[in-house]
Protein backbone atom coordinates (compact mmCIF):
# COMPACT_ATOMS: atom_id res chain seq x y z
CA MET A 1 -61.32 33.39 90.97
CA GLU A 2 -61.96 32.90 87.33
CA LYS A 3 -61.95 29.30 86.29
CA ARG A 4 -59.39 28.60 83.69
CA ARG A 5 -59.78 26.13 80.89
CA PRO A 6 -57.32 23.24 80.90
CA ILE A 7 -54.45 23.32 78.39
CA ILE A 8 -54.20 20.29 76.18
CA VAL A 9 -50.85 19.43 74.60
CA HIS A 10 -50.39 16.69 72.02
CA LEU A 11 -47.45 14.59 73.10
CA ASN A 12 -46.55 11.80 70.68
CA GLU A 13 -50.07 11.88 69.26
CA GLU A 14 -51.60 11.62 72.75
CA LYS A 15 -53.53 14.35 74.51
CA VAL A 16 -51.81 15.38 77.73
CA PRO A 17 -53.69 17.78 80.03
CA ILE A 18 -51.57 20.33 81.86
CA LYS A 19 -52.82 21.71 85.16
CA GLN A 20 -52.54 25.37 85.84
CA ASP A 21 -51.18 26.70 89.15
CA THR A 22 -53.30 29.23 90.89
CA ASP A 23 -50.29 31.30 91.81
CA ARG A 24 -49.54 34.09 89.44
CA GLY A 25 -45.78 33.61 89.81
CA GLN A 26 -46.01 30.25 88.03
CA SER A 27 -47.71 29.73 84.75
CA PHE A 28 -48.40 25.99 84.97
CA LYS A 29 -47.31 22.67 86.35
CA ARG A 30 -46.80 19.60 84.22
CA ASP A 31 -48.08 16.22 85.23
CA HIS A 32 -45.28 14.53 83.29
CA HIS A 33 -41.61 15.25 83.55
CA PRO A 34 -40.53 14.42 79.97
CA THR A 35 -39.87 17.37 77.74
CA VAL A 36 -42.81 18.25 75.63
CA LYS A 37 -42.02 17.94 71.91
CA ILE A 38 -44.54 19.02 69.41
CA ASN A 39 -44.44 17.05 66.17
CA ARG A 40 -45.57 18.90 63.13
CA PRO A 41 -47.30 16.93 60.49
CA ASN A 42 -45.29 16.23 57.30
CA SER A 43 -47.71 18.29 55.33
CA ALA A 44 -46.64 21.33 57.29
CA ARG A 45 -42.99 20.99 56.25
CA LYS A 46 -41.81 22.99 53.30
CA LYS A 47 -40.81 20.95 50.32
CA SER A 48 -37.71 22.03 48.42
CA PRO A 49 -38.49 22.61 44.76
CA GLU A 50 -37.24 19.85 42.37
CA LYS A 51 -34.54 20.88 39.92
CA LYS A 52 -35.52 20.04 36.36
CA ILE A 53 -33.10 19.79 33.40
CA PRO A 54 -34.06 22.21 30.61
CA PRO A 55 -35.29 20.44 27.45
CA PHE A 56 -32.55 21.89 25.21
CA LEU A 57 -29.89 20.62 27.61
CA LYS A 58 -31.44 17.16 27.50
CA LYS A 59 -31.12 17.15 23.69
CA ILE A 60 -27.48 18.21 23.84
CA LEU A 61 -26.62 15.53 26.39
CA PHE A 62 -28.47 12.90 24.37
CA ALA A 63 -26.60 13.87 21.20
CA MET A 64 -23.24 13.75 23.00
CA PHE A 65 -23.78 10.33 24.53
CA SER A 66 -25.14 9.00 21.21
CA ALA A 67 -22.05 10.22 19.33
CA VAL A 68 -19.71 8.65 21.88
CA GLY A 69 -21.60 5.36 21.74
CA ILE A 70 -21.63 5.24 17.94
CA GLY A 71 -17.91 6.12 17.79
CA LEU A 72 -17.01 3.31 20.17
CA LEU A 73 -19.14 0.85 18.22
CA LEU A 74 -17.59 1.78 14.87
CA GLY A 75 -14.09 1.65 16.37
CA PHE A 76 -14.70 -1.86 17.63
CA ILE A 77 -16.07 -2.98 14.26
CA MET A 78 -13.10 -1.51 12.31
CA LEU A 79 -10.58 -3.04 14.71
CA HIS A 80 -12.23 -6.42 14.34
CA LEU A 81 -12.41 -6.07 10.53
CA PHE A 82 -8.74 -5.12 10.02
CA GLY A 83 -7.66 -7.75 12.51
CA ASN A 84 -9.35 -10.39 10.38
CA MET A 85 -7.77 -9.01 7.20
CA GLU A 86 -4.28 -9.33 8.65
CA SER A 87 -4.86 -12.84 9.91
CA SER A 88 -6.36 -14.00 6.58
CA GLY A 89 -3.82 -12.32 4.25
CA PRO A 90 -2.27 -14.11 1.26
CA THR A 91 0.26 -16.81 2.07
CA SER A 92 1.76 -17.11 -1.40
CA GLN A 93 5.05 -15.35 -1.90
CA GLN A 94 5.30 -15.64 -5.66
CA VAL A 95 4.93 -12.75 -8.04
CA PRO A 96 4.36 -12.55 -11.79
CA VAL A 97 7.02 -10.77 -13.78
CA ASN A 98 6.45 -7.03 -13.88
CA HIS A 99 4.89 -5.94 -17.15
CA LEU A 100 4.77 -2.56 -18.76
CA LYS A 101 1.18 -2.14 -17.53
CA ASN A 102 -0.99 -3.50 -14.72
CA GLN A 103 1.77 -3.68 -12.13
CA PRO A 104 0.94 -5.47 -8.81
CA ASN A 105 0.74 -3.42 -5.66
CA THR A 106 3.78 -2.92 -3.42
CA ASN A 107 2.88 -5.40 -0.67
CA GLN A 108 2.12 -8.23 -3.10
CA ALA A 109 5.28 -7.56 -5.10
CA ASP A 110 7.48 -7.55 -1.99
CA GLN A 111 6.04 -10.87 -0.83
CA GLN A 112 5.94 -12.58 -4.22
CA MET A 113 9.37 -11.43 -5.44
CA LYS A 114 10.94 -13.59 -2.73
CA GLY A 115 9.69 -16.70 -4.51
CA ALA A 116 9.81 -20.19 -3.15
CA GLY A 117 12.68 -21.32 -0.96
CA ASN A 118 15.00 -19.32 1.23
CA ALA A 119 15.06 -15.84 -0.30
CA GLU A 120 17.91 -13.51 0.57
CA GLU A 121 19.00 -10.06 -0.55
CA LYS A 122 21.18 -10.55 -3.64
CA THR A 123 23.01 -7.92 -5.67
CA LEU A 124 22.14 -7.92 -9.38
CA ALA A 125 24.85 -6.82 -11.77
CA GLY A 126 24.39 -3.61 -13.73
CA LEU A 127 24.14 -3.89 -17.53
CA GLN A 128 25.38 -1.17 -19.87
CA ALA A 129 25.37 -0.70 -23.65
CA PHE A 130 24.82 1.97 -26.33
CA VAL A 131 21.44 2.35 -27.98
CA LEU A 132 20.07 4.12 -31.03
CA GLN A 133 17.31 6.46 -29.88
CA GLY A 134 14.68 7.37 -32.41
CA GLY A 135 12.68 9.67 -30.13
CA ILE A 136 11.46 10.40 -26.63
CA PHE A 137 7.77 10.99 -25.88
CA SER A 138 5.52 11.82 -22.97
CA GLU A 139 2.68 9.65 -24.33
CA SER A 140 2.92 6.06 -25.52
CA ALA A 141 0.55 6.72 -28.46
CA ASN A 142 3.02 9.17 -29.99
CA ALA A 143 5.88 6.71 -29.56
CA GLU A 144 3.81 3.98 -31.25
CA ASN A 145 3.01 6.25 -34.21
CA THR A 146 6.69 7.01 -34.73
CA ALA A 147 7.55 3.32 -34.37
CA ARG A 148 5.21 2.52 -37.26
CA GLY A 149 7.14 4.99 -39.42
CA PHE A 150 10.42 3.19 -38.67
CA ALA A 151 8.80 -0.21 -39.29
CA SER A 152 7.56 0.87 -42.71
CA ALA A 153 11.19 1.55 -43.66
CA GLY A 154 12.35 -1.85 -42.36
CA TYR A 155 13.62 -0.72 -38.94
CA PRO A 156 12.07 -2.59 -35.99
CA SER A 157 11.91 -0.70 -32.70
CA PHE A 158 11.25 -1.15 -29.00
CA ILE A 159 9.50 1.31 -26.64
CA TRP A 160 11.23 1.56 -23.25
CA GLU A 161 9.17 3.26 -20.55
CA GLN A 162 11.20 4.97 -17.85
CA ASP A 163 10.40 7.75 -15.35
CA GLY A 164 7.06 8.50 -17.01
CA GLN A 165 8.58 8.89 -20.49
CA PHE A 166 8.64 6.63 -23.54
CA PHE A 167 11.95 6.11 -25.33
CA LEU A 168 11.85 4.73 -28.86
CA LEU A 169 14.95 2.55 -29.33
CA VAL A 170 15.84 1.22 -32.78
CA GLY A 171 19.17 -0.51 -32.15
CA ILE A 172 21.81 -1.62 -29.63
CA GLU A 173 25.61 -1.78 -29.85
CA ASP A 174 28.41 -2.67 -27.44
CA SER A 175 30.46 0.50 -28.03
CA LYS A 176 29.89 4.19 -28.68
CA ASN A 177 31.76 4.11 -31.96
CA ALA A 178 29.62 1.24 -33.30
CA ALA A 179 26.45 3.08 -32.21
CA VAL A 180 27.54 6.32 -33.87
CA GLN A 181 28.24 4.54 -37.16
CA ALA A 182 24.87 2.79 -37.08
CA ALA A 183 23.08 6.07 -36.36
CA LYS A 184 24.90 7.73 -39.25
CA LYS A 185 23.58 5.14 -41.71
CA MET A 186 20.01 5.65 -40.50
CA LYS A 187 20.33 9.42 -40.79
CA GLU A 188 21.26 8.94 -44.44
CA ASN A 189 17.76 7.46 -44.82
CA ASN A 190 16.23 10.59 -43.29
CA PHE A 191 15.73 9.16 -39.81
CA ASP A 192 16.77 11.41 -36.94
CA VAL A 193 18.58 8.91 -34.70
CA TYR A 194 21.09 9.48 -31.88
CA ALA A 195 23.65 7.20 -30.24
CA LYS A 196 23.17 7.18 -26.50
CA GLU A 197 24.65 5.32 -23.54
CA TRP A 198 22.04 3.28 -21.69
CA GLN A 199 22.24 1.25 -18.52
CA VAL A 200 20.37 -0.70 -15.90
CA ALA A 201 22.03 -0.03 -12.56
CA LYS A 202 22.94 -2.78 -10.15
CA ARG A 203 20.61 -3.20 -7.18
CA LYS A 204 19.60 -5.65 -4.48
CA LEU A 205 16.67 -8.00 -4.77
CA PRO A 206 15.27 -10.84 -2.58
CA LEU A 207 16.01 -14.04 -4.49
CA ASN A 208 16.56 -17.70 -3.73
CA LYS A 209 19.81 -19.42 -4.67
CA GLU A 210 18.63 -20.80 -8.04
CA GLU A 211 17.21 -17.46 -9.19
CA SER A 212 20.36 -15.60 -8.18
CA GLU A 213 22.61 -18.03 -10.06
CA TRP A 214 20.42 -17.88 -13.18
CA LEU A 215 20.46 -14.08 -13.28
CA ALA A 216 24.25 -14.01 -12.88
CA ALA A 217 24.54 -16.39 -15.84
CA PHE A 218 22.10 -14.27 -17.83
CA ALA A 219 24.23 -11.14 -17.37
CA ASN A 220 27.26 -12.92 -18.83
CA VAL A 221 25.33 -14.35 -21.78
CA TRP A 222 23.68 -11.01 -22.54
CA ASN A 223 26.96 -9.05 -22.52
CA SER A 224 28.47 -11.66 -24.83
CA ALA A 225 25.47 -11.47 -27.20
CA VAL A 226 25.67 -7.67 -27.51
CA LYS A 227 29.34 -7.91 -28.49
CA GLN A 228 28.57 -10.68 -30.99
CA MET A 229 25.86 -8.52 -32.59
CA SER A 230 28.22 -5.56 -33.01
CA MET A 231 31.01 -7.67 -34.51
CA GLN A 232 29.16 -10.44 -36.40
CA GLY A 233 25.58 -9.32 -36.69
CA LYS A 234 24.31 -12.48 -34.95
CA VAL A 235 24.42 -14.26 -31.57
CA ASP A 236 25.39 -17.76 -30.45
CA ALA A 237 22.03 -19.52 -29.98
CA SER A 238 23.67 -22.38 -28.05
CA GLU A 239 24.49 -20.04 -25.17
CA TRP A 240 20.87 -18.99 -24.89
CA LYS A 241 19.72 -22.60 -25.14
CA GLU A 242 21.98 -23.58 -22.26
CA LEU A 243 20.67 -20.63 -20.24
CA ALA A 244 17.05 -21.59 -20.96
CA GLU A 245 17.68 -25.19 -19.87
CA MET A 246 19.08 -24.15 -16.48
CA SER A 247 16.04 -21.99 -15.70
CA PRO A 248 14.65 -22.45 -12.15
CA GLN A 249 11.36 -24.32 -12.14
CA LYS A 250 8.16 -22.46 -11.22
CA SER A 251 9.88 -19.11 -10.73
CA GLN A 252 7.36 -16.43 -11.55
CA VAL A 253 10.02 -13.84 -10.84
CA LEU A 254 11.94 -14.94 -13.94
CA GLU A 255 9.04 -16.19 -16.04
CA LYS A 256 9.10 -13.54 -18.74
CA MET A 257 12.89 -13.44 -18.99
CA GLN A 258 12.93 -17.23 -19.39
CA GLN A 259 10.49 -16.93 -22.28
CA GLU A 260 12.70 -14.34 -24.00
CA ALA A 261 15.79 -16.51 -23.45
CA ALA A 262 14.00 -19.50 -25.02
CA ALA A 263 13.05 -17.33 -28.04
CA LEU A 264 16.70 -16.32 -28.54
CA ALA A 265 17.72 -19.98 -28.30
CA LYS A 266 15.25 -20.94 -31.06
CA GLN A 267 16.16 -18.20 -33.52
CA ASN A 268 16.84 -19.38 -37.02
CA ALA A 269 19.49 -18.32 -39.49
CA SER A 270 17.07 -16.06 -41.35
CA ALA A 271 16.56 -13.79 -38.33
CA GLY A 272 17.75 -10.28 -39.19
CA LYS A 273 20.08 -8.14 -37.10
CA GLY A 274 17.32 -5.68 -36.22
CA GLU A 275 15.00 -8.44 -35.00
CA ILE A 276 17.68 -9.94 -32.74
CA GLN A 277 18.55 -6.51 -31.39
CA MET A 278 14.92 -5.99 -30.35
CA GLN A 279 14.96 -9.34 -28.53
CA LEU A 280 18.08 -8.25 -26.64
CA LEU A 281 16.39 -4.94 -25.77
CA ARG A 282 13.23 -6.67 -24.54
CA ILE A 283 15.02 -9.10 -22.22
CA TRP A 284 17.23 -6.25 -20.99
CA TYR A 285 14.11 -4.24 -20.20
CA ASP A 286 12.60 -7.19 -18.30
CA TYR A 287 15.81 -7.50 -16.32
CA GLY A 288 15.53 -3.84 -15.34
CA GLN A 289 11.92 -4.29 -14.25
CA LEU A 290 12.63 -7.01 -11.67
CA ASN A 291 12.81 -4.52 -8.81
CA LYS A 292 9.87 -2.41 -9.93
CA GLU A 293 6.32 -2.57 -8.51
C-alpha cells in the first residue's frame, strides 16, 4: 500500500498532525476531538475602502460653519453693547425749550419735558387770535427777504414755521374786525396783507405742579394783553412782571417763555405797538412749541 504523507493542520498557531485511516470508507481520524478552526491572518482579510469627503464639499462645510460662528459672535457682541447702552442711559429728565432749529430727539424730549418733580399729564389751554399775514413761503430765505421789505417801511414781522411752511406775520388782534381794519391800512401802503384766524390747539403735556400753574396763568395774561393791544395799543407791564416773578425755578421746559415774559415786563413807554405785537407773537409761538420735538 502506498504510504501517505501526514496531514498537518494549524490549530491555534500549533501544528496538529492528523492520522489517516487505511480504510477507504474513512478519510481520516483526528487525534483531538475539538473542532478544527483555521484562523486566517489579518492580512488576508479584505479591507473596506475608506470614504473620503470631496475637497469642494469640505470648503462648503467650512464656509457654513464659519458663517454660523461669526453670526453668533456678532450677535453676542451687539446684545452686550445695546444692553450696556440701556443701563447707562441719561438720568436727567430736563429738556431745553424747543427752538425753531436744532430740535432734540424724541426720546430726550419725552424724558426732559417731564422736568423735575412729579410730572403728570396736564391739559394746556388753547390760544386763539387774529393775525395779519404778509405771506406764506416754502423756504425760510424767501420769508426773510420779504420781512426785510416790511421792516424798511417800519413794519416789524415774525416768521412762524408750521407744517414745513413759513408764515410771515406782521400783526395780531383780538377780533376779526380789528384785524381787517389793520390789514386795510397796510394795503393802502401797497402791502398785500390778509386778516386770518390763528390758533394753538389745546393738548396734554407732562408737567409738574409749578409748571402747570405757571402756564395756566400765562394763558390768562396773554389773552388780556392781546385785548389791551387792540383797544389801547399797549399792555399792562405789571401783569407780565407778576408772571415773571412766579416763574418755576430751574425749569428748562419754560426757560424761553420766561425770558419773553421778563422782556414784556421790562418794556418802556417808548415801545411801539408793532414791537409789542411781535413779542406777543414770539411767546405765543414758544407756547405752541412746548409739545414739539
